[in-house]
Amino acid sequence: MSTNINLTKVKIFHTDRSNEFKNKIIDEALEAFTIKRSLSKKGCPYDNAVAEAGYKIIKKEFAFNKIFKNIEELKKDLRGYVLWYNNKRIHGVLNCMTPVEYRLARMTE
């Protein structure tokens, strides 16, 4: 399986402030490829909570037990998943609406 990822296309690397991300090798790689580090505010774990919740859903609903032939297949399938998630999947916390329906309803309030 090919995992050729062009790091020059990566613009932001999101991490929390935990010890595994206080790593000289990661810092050097981010600097070498001019990748900006996205961190939650110090002492405010809620910034990171949104990203972590999103990653958890993607791992659980999209990627669990899947093997992609190549990065192109992954991108195509992920794009389809995101379209489905935003336009078809209802969310209990959004009054059983899709994210798009909820956003449109909020705009008309």
N, C-alpha and C. Protein backbone atom coordinates (compact mmCIF):
# COMPACT_ATOMS: atom_id res chain seq x y z
N MET A 1 0.85 -1.17 0.00
CA MET A 1 0.00 0.00 0.00
C MET A 1 0.90 1.24 0.00
N SER A 2 0.67 2.12 -0.93
CA SER A 2 1.45 3.35 -1.04
C SER A 2 0.90 4.40 -0.09
N THR A 3 1.80 5.05 0.65
CA THR A 3 1.39 6.12 1.56
C THR A 3 2.17 7.39 1.26
N ASN A 4 2.33 7.69 -0.01
CA ASN A 4 3.06 8.89 -0.40
C ASN A 4 2.22 10.12 -0.08
N ILE A 5 2.59 10.82 0.96
CA ILE A 5 1.89 12.03 1.36
C ILE A 5 2.86 13.19 1.17
N ASN A 6 2.44 14.16 0.41
CA ASN A 6 3.28 15.31 0.13
C ASN A 6 3.14 16.31 1.27
N LEU A 7 4.11 16.34 2.16
CA LEU A 7 4.04 17.23 3.32
C LEU A 7 4.10 18.70 2.95
N THR A 8 4.54 19.02 1.75
CA THR A 8 4.56 20.43 1.35
C THR A 8 3.15 20.97 1.15
N LYS A 9 2.16 20.07 1.03
CA LYS A 9 0.77 20.51 0.87
C LYS A 9 0.06 20.69 2.22
N VAL A 10 0.66 20.18 3.30
CA VAL A 10 0.06 20.30 4.62
C VAL A 10 0.31 21.71 5.14
N LYS A 11 -0.76 22.37 5.57
CA LYS A 11 -0.64 23.74 6.06
C LYS A 11 -0.71 23.84 7.57
N ILE A 12 -1.55 22.98 8.20
CA ILE A 12 -1.76 23.05 9.65
C ILE A 12 -1.72 21.65 10.24
N PHE A 13 -1.05 21.51 11.39
CA PHE A 13 -0.98 20.26 12.14
C PHE A 13 -1.61 20.53 13.49
N HIS A 14 -2.76 19.91 13.77
CA HIS A 14 -3.46 20.16 15.03
C HIS A 14 -3.02 19.17 16.09
N THR A 15 -2.66 19.68 17.25
CA THR A 15 -2.32 18.84 18.39
C THR A 15 -2.86 19.48 19.65
N ASP A 16 -2.92 18.67 20.68
CA ASP A 16 -3.19 19.25 21.98
C ASP A 16 -1.84 19.58 22.61
N ARG A 17 -1.82 19.91 23.85
CA ARG A 17 -0.56 20.31 24.50
C ARG A 17 0.04 19.17 25.32
N SER A 18 -0.29 17.93 25.00
CA SER A 18 0.21 16.81 25.78
C SER A 18 1.67 16.52 25.45
N ASN A 19 2.28 15.70 26.30
CA ASN A 19 3.72 15.45 26.20
C ASN A 19 4.16 14.81 24.89
N GLU A 20 3.31 13.97 24.29
CA GLU A 20 3.75 13.33 23.05
C GLU A 20 3.95 14.33 21.93
N PHE A 21 3.39 15.52 22.07
CA PHE A 21 3.57 16.54 21.04
C PHE A 21 4.65 17.56 21.40
N LYS A 22 5.28 17.38 22.56
CA LYS A 22 6.44 18.18 22.93
C LYS A 22 7.67 17.37 22.51
N ASN A 23 7.85 17.29 21.21
CA ASN A 23 8.82 16.37 20.63
C ASN A 23 9.68 17.14 19.64
N LYS A 24 10.98 17.06 19.81
CA LYS A 24 11.91 17.79 18.96
C LYS A 24 11.79 17.36 17.49
N ILE A 25 11.59 16.08 17.24
CA ILE A 25 11.47 15.59 15.86
C ILE A 25 10.24 16.17 15.18
N ILE A 26 9.11 16.19 15.90
CA ILE A 26 7.90 16.79 15.33
C ILE A 26 8.13 18.27 15.07
N ASP A 27 8.73 18.97 16.02
CA ASP A 27 9.02 20.40 15.84
C ASP A 27 9.89 20.64 14.61
N GLU A 28 10.92 19.82 14.44
CA GLU A 28 11.83 19.98 13.30
C GLU A 28 11.12 19.69 11.98
N ALA A 29 10.27 18.66 11.95
CA ALA A 29 9.53 18.34 10.72
C ALA A 29 8.56 19.46 10.37
N LEU A 30 7.86 20.00 11.36
CA LEU A 30 6.92 21.09 11.09
C LEU A 30 7.67 22.32 10.57
N GLU A 31 8.80 22.60 11.15
CA GLU A 31 9.62 23.73 10.70
C GLU A 31 10.16 23.50 9.30
N ALA A 32 10.64 22.30 9.03
CA ALA A 32 11.23 21.99 7.72
C ALA A 32 10.21 22.13 6.59
N PHE A 33 8.96 21.79 6.86
CA PHE A 33 7.92 21.86 5.84
C PHE A 33 7.03 23.09 5.98
N THR A 34 7.45 24.02 6.84
CA THR A 34 6.69 25.26 7.14
C THR A 34 5.22 24.97 7.39
N ILE A 35 4.99 24.02 8.29
CA ILE A 35 3.64 23.66 8.70
C ILE A 35 3.35 24.37 10.01
N LYS A 36 2.22 25.05 10.05
CA LYS A 36 1.81 25.78 11.25
C LYS A 36 1.19 24.81 12.25
N ARG A 37 1.52 24.97 13.51
CA ARG A 37 0.96 24.13 14.56
C ARG A 37 -0.29 24.79 15.11
N SER A 38 -1.36 24.04 15.17
CA SER A 38 -2.61 24.51 15.74
C SER A 38 -2.75 23.92 17.13
N LEU A 39 -2.82 24.76 18.13
CA LEU A 39 -2.93 24.30 19.50
C LEU A 39 -4.16 24.91 20.17
N SER A 40 -4.67 24.20 21.15
CA SER A 40 -5.71 24.81 21.97
C SER A 40 -5.03 25.85 22.87
N LYS A 41 -5.82 26.79 23.36
CA LYS A 41 -5.26 27.80 24.26
C LYS A 41 -4.81 27.12 25.54
N LYS A 42 -3.74 27.62 26.12
CA LYS A 42 -3.21 27.05 27.34
C LYS A 42 -4.28 27.10 28.44
N GLY A 43 -4.51 25.97 29.07
CA GLY A 43 -5.49 25.90 30.14
C GLY A 43 -6.94 25.84 29.67
N CYS A 44 -7.15 25.72 28.36
CA CYS A 44 -8.52 25.67 27.82
C CYS A 44 -8.67 24.44 26.93
N PRO A 45 -8.99 23.29 27.53
CA PRO A 45 -9.09 22.06 26.75
C PRO A 45 -10.28 22.04 25.80
N TYR A 46 -11.21 22.97 25.94
CA TYR A 46 -12.41 22.95 25.11
C TYR A 46 -12.10 23.23 23.64
N ASP A 47 -11.06 24.03 23.36
CA ASP A 47 -10.67 24.26 21.97
C ASP A 47 -10.36 22.94 21.29
N ASN A 48 -9.64 22.10 21.98
CA ASN A 48 -9.22 20.82 21.43
C ASN A 48 -10.37 19.81 21.40
N ALA A 49 -11.33 19.97 22.28
CA ALA A 49 -12.41 19.01 22.39
C ALA A 49 -13.21 18.89 21.09
N VAL A 50 -13.42 19.99 20.40
CA VAL A 50 -14.18 19.95 19.15
C VAL A 50 -13.43 19.13 18.11
N ALA A 51 -12.14 19.37 17.97
CA ALA A 51 -11.34 18.61 17.01
C ALA A 51 -11.30 17.13 17.39
N GLU A 52 -11.10 16.85 18.67
CA GLU A 52 -11.03 15.45 19.11
C GLU A 52 -12.35 14.73 18.87
N ALA A 53 -13.47 15.40 19.12
CA ALA A 53 -14.79 14.79 18.89
C ALA A 53 -14.97 14.48 17.40
N GLY A 54 -14.55 15.41 16.55
CA GLY A 54 -14.65 15.19 15.10
C GLY A 54 -13.80 14.01 14.66
N TYR A 55 -12.58 13.93 15.17
CA TYR A 55 -11.68 12.82 14.80
C TYR A 55 -12.28 11.49 15.26
N LYS A 56 -12.87 11.48 16.46
CA LYS A 56 -13.45 10.25 16.99
C LYS A 56 -14.58 9.75 16.09
N ILE A 57 -15.44 10.65 15.65
CA ILE A 57 -16.55 10.26 14.78
C ILE A 57 -16.03 9.72 13.46
N ILE A 58 -15.05 10.40 12.88
CA ILE A 58 -14.48 9.93 11.60
C ILE A 58 -13.86 8.55 11.77
N LYS A 59 -13.11 8.35 12.84
CA LYS A 59 -12.50 7.04 13.06
C LYS A 59 -13.55 5.96 13.27
N LYS A 60 -14.58 6.26 14.06
CA LYS A 60 -15.60 5.27 14.41
C LYS A 60 -16.54 4.97 13.24
N GLU A 61 -17.02 6.01 12.56
CA GLU A 61 -18.03 5.81 11.52
C GLU A 61 -17.45 5.61 10.12
N PHE A 62 -16.29 6.18 9.87
CA PHE A 62 -15.75 6.16 8.51
C PHE A 62 -14.59 5.18 8.33
N ALA A 63 -13.61 5.27 9.17
CA ALA A 63 -12.35 4.56 8.92
C ALA A 63 -12.24 3.19 9.58
N PHE A 64 -13.07 2.90 10.57
CA PHE A 64 -12.95 1.65 11.32
C PHE A 64 -13.02 0.43 10.40
N ASN A 65 -12.01 -0.40 10.48
CA ASN A 65 -11.91 -1.66 9.71
C ASN A 65 -11.86 -1.47 8.20
N LYS A 66 -11.50 -0.29 7.72
CA LYS A 66 -11.38 -0.08 6.28
C LYS A 66 -9.92 -0.07 5.86
N ILE A 67 -9.67 -0.58 4.68
CA ILE A 67 -8.33 -0.52 4.08
C ILE A 67 -8.50 0.17 2.74
N PHE A 68 -7.74 1.22 2.53
CA PHE A 68 -7.81 1.98 1.29
C PHE A 68 -6.64 1.57 0.40
N LYS A 69 -6.91 1.41 -0.88
CA LYS A 69 -5.88 0.99 -1.82
C LYS A 69 -4.79 2.04 -1.98
N ASN A 70 -5.19 3.31 -1.89
CA ASN A 70 -4.24 4.40 -2.07
C ASN A 70 -4.83 5.68 -1.50
N ILE A 71 -4.06 6.73 -1.49
CA ILE A 71 -4.50 8.00 -0.92
C ILE A 71 -5.66 8.60 -1.72
N GLU A 72 -5.68 8.36 -3.01
CA GLU A 72 -6.77 8.88 -3.84
C GLU A 72 -8.10 8.26 -3.44
N GLU A 73 -8.10 6.95 -3.19
CA GLU A 73 -9.33 6.28 -2.75
C GLU A 73 -9.77 6.83 -1.39
N LEU A 74 -8.83 7.01 -0.49
CA LEU A 74 -9.14 7.58 0.82
C LEU A 74 -9.77 8.96 0.67
N LYS A 75 -9.16 9.83 -0.15
CA LYS A 75 -9.70 11.18 -0.35
C LYS A 75 -11.10 11.14 -0.92
N LYS A 76 -11.32 10.30 -1.92
CA LYS A 76 -12.63 10.20 -2.56
C LYS A 76 -13.68 9.72 -1.57
N ASP A 77 -13.38 8.66 -0.84
CA ASP A 77 -14.33 8.11 0.13
C ASP A 77 -14.58 9.08 1.28
N LEU A 78 -13.54 9.76 1.74
CA LEU A 78 -13.71 10.73 2.82
C LEU A 78 -14.56 11.91 2.37
N ARG A 79 -14.35 12.37 1.15
CA ARG A 79 -15.16 13.45 0.60
C ARG A 79 -16.64 13.05 0.59
N GLY A 80 -16.93 11.82 0.15
CA GLY A 80 -18.30 11.32 0.15
C GLY A 80 -18.88 11.23 1.55
N TYR A 81 -18.06 10.77 2.49
CA TYR A 81 -18.52 10.67 3.88
C TYR A 81 -18.87 12.05 4.44
N VAL A 82 -18.01 13.03 4.21
CA VAL A 82 -18.26 14.38 4.73
C VAL A 82 -19.53 14.97 4.12
N LEU A 83 -19.74 14.75 2.83
CA LEU A 83 -20.99 15.22 2.19
C LEU A 83 -22.21 14.55 2.84
N TRP A 84 -22.14 13.25 3.04
CA TRP A 84 -23.22 12.52 3.70
C TRP A 84 -23.43 13.04 5.12
N TYR A 85 -22.35 13.18 5.87
CA TYR A 85 -22.41 13.61 7.27
C TYR A 85 -23.08 14.98 7.39
N ASN A 86 -22.73 15.90 6.52
CA ASN A 86 -23.27 17.26 6.59
C ASN A 86 -24.67 17.41 6.02
N ASN A 87 -25.03 16.57 5.04
CA ASN A 87 -26.29 16.76 4.33
C ASN A 87 -27.35 15.70 4.58
N LYS A 88 -26.98 14.52 5.09
CA LYS A 88 -27.93 13.43 5.25
C LYS A 88 -28.05 12.92 6.69
N ARG A 89 -26.93 12.89 7.41
CA ARG A 89 -26.93 12.30 8.76
C ARG A 89 -27.57 13.26 9.74
N ILE A 90 -28.65 12.81 10.41
CA ILE A 90 -29.28 13.68 11.40
C ILE A 90 -28.52 13.58 12.72
N HIS A 91 -28.55 14.65 13.49
CA HIS A 91 -27.82 14.74 14.75
C HIS A 91 -28.80 15.09 15.86
N GLY A 92 -28.84 14.29 16.89
CA GLY A 92 -29.73 14.54 18.01
C GLY A 92 -29.52 15.89 18.66
N VAL A 93 -28.27 16.29 18.80
CA VAL A 93 -27.98 17.58 19.44
C VAL A 93 -28.37 18.76 18.56
N LEU A 94 -28.70 18.50 17.30
CA LEU A 94 -29.13 19.56 16.38
C LEU A 94 -30.63 19.44 16.10
N ASN A 95 -31.38 19.00 17.12
CA ASN A 95 -32.83 18.84 16.97
C ASN A 95 -33.19 17.90 15.82
N CYS A 96 -32.43 16.83 15.68
CA CYS A 96 -32.66 15.81 14.63
C CYS A 96 -32.63 16.41 13.22
N MET A 97 -31.73 17.38 13.03
CA MET A 97 -31.50 17.96 11.71
C MET A 97 -30.09 17.62 11.28
N THR A 98 -29.82 17.77 10.00
CA THR A 98 -28.46 17.64 9.50
C THR A 98 -27.72 18.94 9.84
N PRO A 99 -26.39 18.95 9.83
CA PRO A 99 -25.68 20.20 10.08
C PRO A 99 -26.06 21.31 9.11
N VAL A 100 -26.27 20.98 7.84
CA VAL A 100 -26.65 21.99 6.86
C VAL A 100 -28.04 22.54 7.18
N GLU A 101 -28.99 21.67 7.48
CA GLU A 101 -30.34 22.12 7.84
C GLU A 101 -30.31 23.02 9.07
N TYR A 102 -29.51 22.60 10.06
CA TYR A 102 -29.42 23.37 11.30
C TYR A 102 -28.84 24.76 11.05
N ARG A 103 -27.76 24.81 10.28
CA ARG A 103 -27.14 26.11 9.98
C ARG A 103 -28.11 27.02 9.22
N LEU A 104 -28.82 26.47 8.25
CA LEU A 104 -29.79 27.27 7.48
C LEU A 104 -30.93 27.75 8.39
N ALA A 105 -31.40 26.89 9.30
CA ALA A 105 -32.46 27.29 10.22
C ALA A 105 -31.99 28.42 11.14
N ARG A 106 -30.73 28.34 11.58
CA ARG A 106 -30.18 29.38 12.47
C ARG A 106 -30.02 30.71 11.74
N MET A 107 -29.75 30.64 10.45
CA MET A 107 -29.57 31.88 9.66
C MET A 107 -30.89 32.62 9.48
N THR A 108 -32.01 31.91 9.53
CA THR A 108 -33.31 32.54 9.31
C THR A 108 -33.97 32.99 10.61
N GLU A 109 -33.33 32.72 11.75
CA GLU A 109 -33.90 33.14 13.04
C GLU A 109 -33.77 34.61 13.26
